Protein backbone atom coordinates (compact mmCIF):
# COMPACT_ATOMS: atom_id res chain seq x y z
CA MET A 1 39.96 29.23 -38.31
CA PRO A 2 36.32 30.30 -39.82
CA SER A 3 35.87 32.87 -42.12
CA GLY A 4 34.09 36.17 -41.05
CA GLY A 5 33.91 39.01 -38.78
CA PRO A 6 34.70 38.54 -34.79
CA LEU A 7 32.69 36.49 -32.81
CA PRO A 8 32.22 37.69 -29.16
CA GLY A 9 34.81 38.19 -26.57
CA PHE A 10 35.47 36.17 -23.47
CA GLY A 11 34.15 39.12 -21.44
CA PRO A 12 31.00 39.16 -21.53
CA ASP A 13 30.85 35.50 -20.61
CA LEU A 14 33.17 35.55 -17.77
CA GLN A 15 30.62 38.65 -16.45
CA GLN A 16 27.34 36.82 -17.12
CA ALA A 17 28.71 33.43 -15.40
CA GLY A 18 30.23 35.70 -12.33
CA ARG A 19 26.82 37.35 -12.11
CA ALA A 20 24.75 33.93 -11.73
CA THR A 21 27.78 32.77 -9.33
CA VAL A 22 26.71 35.31 -7.10
CA ARG A 23 22.95 34.41 -7.19
CA LEU A 24 24.08 30.33 -6.93
CA VAL A 25 25.98 31.27 -3.78
CA LEU A 26 23.30 33.08 -2.51
CA ALA A 27 21.08 30.27 -3.32
CA ALA A 28 23.22 28.04 -1.40
CA ALA A 29 23.39 30.18 1.53
CA THR A 30 19.67 29.89 1.41
CA ALA A 31 19.48 26.26 1.22
CA PHE A 32 22.36 25.68 4.12
CA GLY A 33 19.52 28.29 6.14
CA SER A 34 16.56 25.30 5.11
CA TYR A 35 18.53 22.52 5.87
CA LEU A 36 19.53 23.53 9.35
CA PHE A 37 15.81 25.00 9.53
CA VAL A 38 14.73 20.96 9.16
CA THR A 39 15.60 20.32 12.75
CA VAL A 40 13.96 23.29 14.16
CA LEU A 41 10.87 22.14 12.03
CA LEU A 42 10.85 18.48 12.92
CA LEU A 43 11.16 19.20 16.87
CA THR A 44 8.21 22.27 16.63
CA ALA A 45 6.13 19.21 14.63
CA ILE A 46 6.94 16.61 17.55
CA GLY A 47 6.06 19.59 19.79
CA THR A 48 2.82 20.51 18.23
CA VAL A 49 1.75 16.75 18.37
CA ALA A 50 2.43 16.77 22.03
CA VAL A 51 0.27 19.71 22.47
CA ALA A 52 2.63 21.41 24.79
CA GLY A 53 5.06 22.55 22.09
CA ALA A 54 1.76 23.60 20.28
CA PHE A 55 2.89 27.62 21.06
CA LEU A 56 6.08 27.24 18.91
CA LEU A 57 4.12 26.28 15.62
CA PRO A 58 2.73 30.10 14.76
CA GLU A 59 6.85 31.60 15.36
CA THR A 60 8.11 28.47 13.06
CA VAL A 61 5.48 29.32 10.51
CA LEU A 62 6.66 32.91 10.41
CA LEU A 63 10.39 32.03 10.08
CA ILE A 64 9.22 29.77 7.42
CA ARG A 65 7.48 33.20 5.74
CA ARG A 66 10.52 35.10 5.90
CA ILE A 67 12.65 32.35 4.64
CA ALA A 68 10.16 31.70 1.77
CA GLY A 69 10.47 35.80 1.30
CA ALA A 70 14.17 36.07 0.99
CA LYS A 71 14.23 33.14 -1.47
CA ARG A 72 11.58 35.42 -3.66
CA GLN A 73 13.42 38.17 -3.44
CA GLN A 74 16.63 36.55 -4.45
CA THR A 75 14.65 35.12 -7.77
CA ALA A 76 12.98 38.55 -8.33
CA VAL A 77 16.64 40.31 -8.38
CA TRP A 78 17.43 37.56 -11.20
CA THR A 79 14.38 37.45 -12.99
CA GLY A 80 12.93 40.83 -12.83
CA ARG A 81 9.35 39.62 -11.93
CA ASP A 82 7.93 39.93 -8.29
CA ILE A 83 7.00 36.36 -6.89
CA PRO A 84 3.46 37.74 -4.73
CA GLU A 85 2.71 36.64 -1.40
CA ALA A 86 -0.70 35.49 -0.08
CA TYR A 87 -0.33 34.73 3.84
CA ARG A 88 -2.99 35.12 6.47
CA PRO A 89 -1.81 37.19 9.18
CA LEU A 90 -0.72 35.18 12.97
CA THR A 91 -2.95 37.08 14.99
CA GLY A 92 -5.24 36.57 18.32
CA THR A 93 -4.56 34.07 21.09
CA VAL A 94 -2.52 30.85 20.85
CA ARG A 95 -5.08 28.60 19.70
CA GLU A 96 -6.65 31.39 16.73
CA ARG A 97 -2.74 31.55 15.67
CA VAL A 98 -2.15 27.64 15.18
CA ARG A 99 -5.36 27.27 14.07
CA THR A 100 -4.53 30.27 11.77
CA ALA A 101 -1.37 28.41 10.85
CA VAL A 102 -2.52 25.17 9.66
CA ARG A 103 -5.38 26.23 7.33
CA ASP A 104 -3.15 28.99 5.65
CA PRO A 105 -2.78 27.48 1.89
CA GLY A 106 0.51 29.89 1.86
CA THR A 107 1.79 27.39 4.56
CA PHE A 108 1.26 24.19 2.19
CA THR A 109 3.18 26.55 -0.73
CA ASP A 110 6.16 27.39 1.69
CA LEU A 111 6.55 23.90 2.84
CA ARG A 112 6.23 22.32 -0.40
CA TRP A 113 8.98 25.06 -1.47
CA MET A 114 11.27 23.81 1.14
CA ALA A 115 10.82 20.13 0.95
CA ALA A 116 11.86 20.52 -2.83
CA TYR A 117 14.94 23.01 -2.45
CA TYR A 118 16.05 20.22 -0.32
CA LEU A 119 16.70 18.17 -3.43
CA TYR A 120 17.17 21.08 -5.96
CA GLY A 121 19.01 23.28 -3.62
CA TRP A 122 22.22 21.57 -4.54
CA LEU A 123 22.15 23.28 -8.00
CA PRO A 124 25.22 25.25 -6.68
CA VAL A 125 27.97 22.55 -6.21
CA LEU A 126 27.45 21.96 -10.03
CA MET A 127 29.21 25.26 -10.82
CA VAL A 128 32.16 24.53 -8.53
CA PRO A 129 33.68 22.35 -11.70
CA LEU A 130 32.34 24.07 -14.02
CA TRP A 131 34.33 27.14 -13.64
CA PRO A 132 38.21 25.77 -14.21
CA ALA A 133 36.72 23.65 -16.81
CA GLY A 134 34.86 26.47 -18.39
CA LEU A 135 38.36 28.81 -18.07
CA VAL A 136 40.33 26.54 -19.77
CA VAL A 137 38.02 25.63 -22.30
CA ASP A 138 35.91 28.85 -23.51
CA GLY A 139 39.62 30.47 -22.90
CA VAL A 140 40.51 28.55 -25.94
CA ARG A 141 37.35 28.63 -27.77
CA CYS A 142 36.85 32.38 -27.36
CA GLY A 143 40.72 32.84 -27.60
CA PRO A 144 42.68 31.26 -30.31
CA LEU A 145 39.49 29.69 -31.90
CA ARG A 146 37.22 32.37 -31.73
CA ARG A 147 34.27 29.92 -30.94
CA PRO A 148 31.68 31.26 -28.75
CA ALA A 149 31.82 30.03 -25.09
CA VAL A 150 30.13 26.75 -24.17
CA VAL A 151 31.16 25.61 -20.64
CA LEU A 152 30.71 29.09 -18.55
CA PRO A 153 26.93 29.78 -20.00
CA LEU A 154 26.03 26.68 -17.95
CA ILE A 155 25.90 28.77 -15.12
CA GLY A 156 23.96 31.12 -15.90
CA ARG A 157 21.52 28.15 -16.99
CA LEU A 158 22.00 26.64 -13.37
CA ALA A 159 21.04 29.93 -12.24
CA ASP A 160 18.10 30.10 -14.61
CA LEU A 161 17.18 26.56 -13.45
CA ASP A 162 17.17 27.61 -9.99
CA ALA A 163 14.57 30.87 -10.79
CA ALA A 164 12.66 28.77 -12.51
CA TRP A 165 11.63 26.31 -10.12
CA SER A 166 11.63 28.55 -7.00
CA THR A 167 9.16 31.09 -9.47
CA ALA A 168 7.07 27.82 -9.83
CA LEU A 169 7.00 26.69 -6.29
CA LEU A 170 6.50 29.74 -4.25
CA THR A 171 3.66 31.04 -6.69
CA PRO A 172 0.80 31.11 -4.37
CA SER A 173 -2.10 28.76 -4.91
CA PRO A 174 -5.22 30.28 -6.25
CA LYS A 175 -7.01 28.94 -3.13
CA ALA A 176 -4.26 31.55 -1.34
CA ARG A 177 -5.30 34.00 -3.36
CA LEU A 178 -9.14 33.73 -2.99
CA ALA A 179 -8.10 33.77 0.71
CA GLU A 180 -6.28 36.68 0.59
CA ARG A 181 -8.88 38.84 -1.76
CA VAL A 182 -11.33 37.42 1.33
CA GLU A 183 -9.73 39.21 3.74
CA GLU A 184 -9.13 42.10 1.76
CA LEU A 185 -12.34 42.68 0.74
CA THR A 186 -13.51 41.84 4.43
CA GLU A 187 -11.19 44.29 5.55
CA THR A 188 -12.57 47.08 2.93
CA ARG A 189 -15.77 46.33 3.55
CA ALA A 190 -15.02 47.07 7.31
CA ASP A 191 -13.63 50.72 6.21
CA ALA A 192 -16.62 51.18 3.82
CA ILE A 193 -19.44 50.54 6.92
CA ALA A 194 -17.09 52.68 8.77
CA ALA A 195 -17.06 55.24 6.06
CA HIS A 196 -21.09 55.14 5.94
CA GLY A 197 -21.68 55.30 9.15
CA ALA A 198 -19.24 58.55 9.28
CA GLU A 199 -21.03 60.17 6.59
CA LEU A 200 -24.94 59.32 8.32
CA ARG A 201 -23.20 60.75 11.43
CA ARG A 202 -22.32 63.56 9.13
CA ILE A 203 -25.48 64.30 7.54
CA GLU A 204 -27.56 63.72 10.86
CA ARG A 205 -24.94 66.74 12.55
CA ASP A 206 -25.78 69.41 9.70
CA LEU A 207 -29.27 68.57 9.46
CA HIS A 208 -29.63 69.03 12.97
CA ASP A 209 -27.43 71.79 13.95
CA GLY A 210 -27.93 73.83 11.06
CA THR A 211 -31.05 73.00 8.92
CA GLN A 212 -33.29 72.04 11.76
CA ALA A 213 -32.35 75.02 13.97
CA ARG A 214 -32.99 77.78 11.32
CA LEU A 215 -36.53 75.28 10.56
CA VAL A 216 -37.60 76.06 14.69
CA SER A 217 -36.54 79.72 14.69
CA LEU A 218 -38.61 80.34 11.37
CA SER A 219 -41.39 78.46 12.97
CA MET A 220 -40.59 81.07 15.86
CA ARG A 221 -40.63 84.12 13.87
CA ILE A 222 -43.81 83.14 12.25
CA GLY A 223 -45.46 82.59 15.48
CA LEU A 224 -44.88 86.00 16.73
CA ALA A 225 -45.28 88.15 13.84
CA ARG A 226 -49.00 86.24 13.54
CA ARG A 227 -49.11 86.95 17.45
CA ALA A 228 -48.17 90.80 16.32
CA TYR A 229 -49.69 91.23 13.06
CA ASP A 230 -52.98 92.85 14.28
CA THR A 231 -51.11 95.11 17.38
CA ASP A 232 -47.57 96.09 14.92
CA PRO A 233 -47.60 95.54 11.71
CA GLU A 234 -44.28 97.13 11.55
CA ALA A 235 -42.98 95.03 13.74
CA ALA A 236 -44.88 91.44 12.47
CA ARG A 237 -43.24 93.40 8.66
CA SER A 238 -40.09 92.78 10.28
CA MET A 239 -40.68 89.45 12.12
CA LEU A 240 -41.47 87.97 8.59
CA SER A 241 -38.34 89.36 6.68
CA GLN A 242 -36.48 87.63 9.05
CA ALA A 243 -38.39 84.75 8.76
CA GLN A 244 -37.58 84.87 4.62
CA ASP A 245 -34.10 85.34 5.77
CA LEU A 246 -33.98 81.87 7.81
CA ALA A 247 -36.12 80.37 5.13
CA GLU A 248 -32.96 80.90 2.27
CA GLU A 249 -30.39 80.14 4.95
CA ALA A 250 -32.66 77.04 5.67
CA LEU A 251 -32.53 76.08 1.78
CA THR A 252 -28.95 77.01 1.49
CA GLU A 253 -27.91 74.36 4.36
CA LEU A 254 -30.40 71.96 2.74
CA ARG A 255 -28.26 72.21 -1.03
CA HIS A 256 -24.91 71.50 1.52
CA VAL A 257 -26.46 68.03 2.46
CA VAL A 258 -27.54 67.37 -0.52
CA ARG A 259 -24.33 68.00 -2.47
CA GLY A 260 -22.36 66.24 0.26
CA VAL A 261 -24.73 63.07 -0.42
CA HIS A 262 -24.55 63.64 -3.99
CA PRO A 263 -23.68 66.71 -5.96
CA PRO A 264 -26.49 67.60 -8.74
CA ILE A 265 -23.73 69.30 -10.57
CA LEU A 266 -22.39 65.82 -11.41
CA THR A 267 -25.66 65.18 -13.00
CA ASP A 268 -26.00 68.09 -14.94
CA ARG A 269 -22.54 68.59 -15.80
CA GLY A 270 -20.64 65.31 -15.58
CA LEU A 271 -17.35 65.05 -13.88
CA ALA A 272 -15.59 66.51 -16.21
CA GLY A 273 -17.73 69.87 -15.52
CA ALA A 274 -18.25 69.39 -12.19
CA VAL A 275 -14.30 69.30 -11.63
CA ARG A 276 -13.85 72.09 -13.59
CA ALA A 277 -16.47 74.20 -11.46
CA LEU A 278 -14.77 72.96 -8.25
CA ALA A 279 -11.58 74.23 -9.51
CA ALA A 280 -12.90 77.58 -10.12
CA SER A 281 -14.35 77.82 -6.53
CA SER A 282 -11.22 76.25 -4.88
CA GLY A 283 -9.54 79.58 -4.58
CA LEU A 284 -6.43 78.11 -6.16
CA GLU A 285 -4.83 78.63 -9.79
CA VAL A 286 -5.96 74.60 -10.90
CA ALA A 287 -4.94 72.81 -13.75
CA VAL A 288 -7.48 70.70 -15.16
CA HIS A 289 -6.00 68.12 -17.59
CA LEU A 290 -8.50 65.25 -19.47
CA ASP A 291 -7.59 62.55 -21.30
CA GLY A 292 -10.41 60.24 -23.02
CA LEU A 293 -12.87 61.47 -21.17
CA THR A 294 -14.53 64.21 -24.00
CA ASP A 295 -16.39 61.72 -25.78
CA GLY A 296 -19.61 61.92 -24.03
CA SER A 297 -18.47 58.77 -21.94
CA ARG A 298 -19.88 58.21 -18.46
CA ALA A 299 -18.24 56.50 -15.58
CA PRO A 300 -21.14 54.77 -12.75
CA ALA A 301 -22.28 57.61 -10.39
CA ALA A 302 -21.10 55.81 -7.37
CA VAL A 303 -17.39 56.06 -9.35
CA GLU A 304 -17.90 59.93 -10.41
CA ALA A 305 -19.06 60.77 -7.01
CA ALA A 306 -15.86 59.15 -5.19
CA ALA A 307 -13.53 61.00 -7.80
CA TYR A 308 -15.46 64.43 -7.00
CA TYR A 309 -15.08 64.09 -3.40
CA VAL A 310 -11.24 62.41 -4.03
CA VAL A 311 -10.41 66.17 -5.98
CA ALA A 312 -12.64 68.51 -3.49
CA GLU A 313 -10.60 67.15 -0.51
CA ALA A 314 -7.38 66.98 -2.31
CA LEU A 315 -7.94 70.57 -2.59
CA THR A 316 -8.87 71.44 0.31
CA ASN A 317 -5.77 70.00 1.81
CA VAL A 318 -3.71 72.23 -0.47
CA ALA A 319 -5.35 75.38 0.41
CA LYS A 320 -5.08 74.70 4.29
CA TYR A 321 -1.79 73.22 4.36
CA GLY A 322 -0.18 73.56 1.24
CA GLY A 323 1.17 76.70 1.17
CA VAL A 324 0.63 77.32 -2.56
CA ALA A 325 -1.85 79.00 -4.69
CA GLU A 326 -1.41 76.59 -7.69
CA ALA A 327 -2.37 72.76 -8.55
CA GLY A 328 -2.53 70.26 -10.94
CA VAL A 329 -5.67 67.85 -11.21
CA ARG A 330 -5.98 65.32 -14.20
CA LEU A 331 -8.75 62.62 -14.94
CA ALA A 332 -7.97 59.77 -17.15
CA ARG A 333 -9.78 57.14 -18.91
CA VAL A 334 -7.63 54.22 -17.93
CA PRO A 335 -7.89 50.24 -19.25
CA ARG A 336 -8.74 49.19 -15.85
CA GLY A 337 -10.87 52.44 -14.96
CA LEU A 338 -10.70 55.93 -14.12
CA LEU A 339 -6.93 57.53 -13.09
CA VAL A 340 -7.66 60.71 -10.88
CA LEU A 341 -4.19 62.29 -10.07
CA VAL A 342 -4.06 65.57 -7.89
CA ARG A 343 -0.89 67.62 -7.61
CA ASP A 344 0.97 70.44 -6.03
CA GLU A 345 4.50 71.58 -5.22
CA GLY A 346 3.47 72.92 -1.64
CA ARG A 347 5.54 71.67 1.46
CA GLY A 348 4.41 68.64 1.42
CA GLY A 349 4.92 66.25 4.83
CA ALA A 350 0.97 65.01 4.69
CA ASP A 351 0.48 62.36 7.25
CA GLU A 352 -2.56 60.41 7.09
CA SER A 353 -2.55 59.93 10.90
CA ARG A 354 -2.71 63.53 11.36
CA GLY A 355 -6.29 63.99 10.03
CA THR A 356 -9.48 62.32 8.59
CA GLY A 357 -8.91 64.04 4.87
CA LEU A 358 -6.36 61.34 3.32
CA LEU A 359 -8.04 58.77 5.70
CA GLY A 360 -11.59 59.25 4.48
CA ILE A 361 -10.26 59.51 0.32
CA ARG A 362 -8.90 55.84 1.10
CA ARG A 363 -11.48 54.13 2.79
CA ARG A 364 -14.48 55.72 0.19
CA VAL A 365 -12.01 54.79 -2.43
CA ALA A 366 -11.45 51.28 -0.92
CA ALA A 367 -15.04 50.62 -0.81
CA LEU A 368 -15.29 50.41 -5.16
CA ASP A 369 -12.27 48.19 -4.29
CA GLY A 370 -9.67 51.02 -6.07
CA THR A 371 -6.39 52.25 -5.00
CA THR A 372 -5.15 55.19 -3.19
CA THR A 373 -1.19 56.13 -3.64
CA VAL A 374 0.17 59.10 -1.51
CA THR A 375 3.36 60.42 -2.14
CA SER A 376 4.27 63.80 0.25
CA PRO A 377 7.86 64.11 0.97
CA PRO A 378 8.80 66.79 3.57
CA GLY A 379 9.46 69.93 0.45
CA GLY A 380 6.81 68.43 -1.57
CA PRO A 381 5.28 67.93 -3.96
CA THR A 382 2.46 66.30 -3.22
CA VAL A 383 0.72 63.46 -5.14
CA ILE A 384 -2.74 62.11 -4.56
CA GLU A 385 -3.20 59.21 -7.35
CA VAL A 386 -6.50 57.22 -7.34
CA GLU A 387 -7.42 54.93 -9.22
CA LEU A 388 -11.07 53.47 -9.55
CA PRO A 389 -12.26 50.52 -11.46
CA CYS A 390 -15.05 50.14 -13.78
CA VAL A 391 -16.57 49.45 -16.91
CA TRP A 392 -17.00 51.99 -19.22
């Protein structure tokens, strides 16, 4: 027997083989389901060719996606790495759904995996003779002989091999990812157009209901004062004083509209100074934390405006619905761009479907290809995390 310290015992290899066995059993179940599904697939293909069964094709493709999705989840659990999906949504009329199912690159990826899985799906069968051989051979090697196991680790390698092949076959092709990206950009463009239209309507409403009304009243006051100047100077002076007040109110309204388009404070003081001023005027006790924004570097103007809007809308929501007087704001420079995080310990339960604030944030961020994550369980805390990609 070799001298030296004790080698690893039989237990860890046995546990690893057990985990690999569970993984392979699940793989065998998926393979068995795939073998049964080939009959449905062939019938659907025949029905599609005969036209009478064309409506079955989208449903069959959806079933294939579910089977492939289950395999992706199994593989991700074993490897610890997610396998992305890239599918076009099957919506519209029967003809549109059939056309999408046929032209979707994800359909070809799943069919390629299914065809290959009919061959390597038999890998779990190889573990059947390995178990009795491993219990005997490795039991002796790890026990009396004090040597490492050689048979039971092969079960884990079978699971690794199944996972490696599944990952390679189920990973979306560059064409599929490009199609998904185009679909995503189409959706975000529609949101950006909707947000732009809503912003134009808001500006028009503010000008019509506020500034324009005050300017009309101002013109009338000046006209009345002009007529009364010769006959009643005191009344004319009173009207001119009122006209001056209306002019100041109109200027205030115009400043409000301008701030809604692009806050001048962003140009003057930068994002950090603008957010500090916003926090000071919010009526809340807001702790502002800056990471990597103190070296004078500035994000693009559109990114700063979006970040300012996110903070302003989030603090407004805290003041209205949070039921708390404190909040925290964090601005951080990250490798991909700018991170904005607003947190409060209020009542939580924020729902995007009940108002336009959170939806407006999501649309504005999506227009810049950013991401928005809202976490707001009942009882709080509410956390709005936004990442805006940019080049510093």
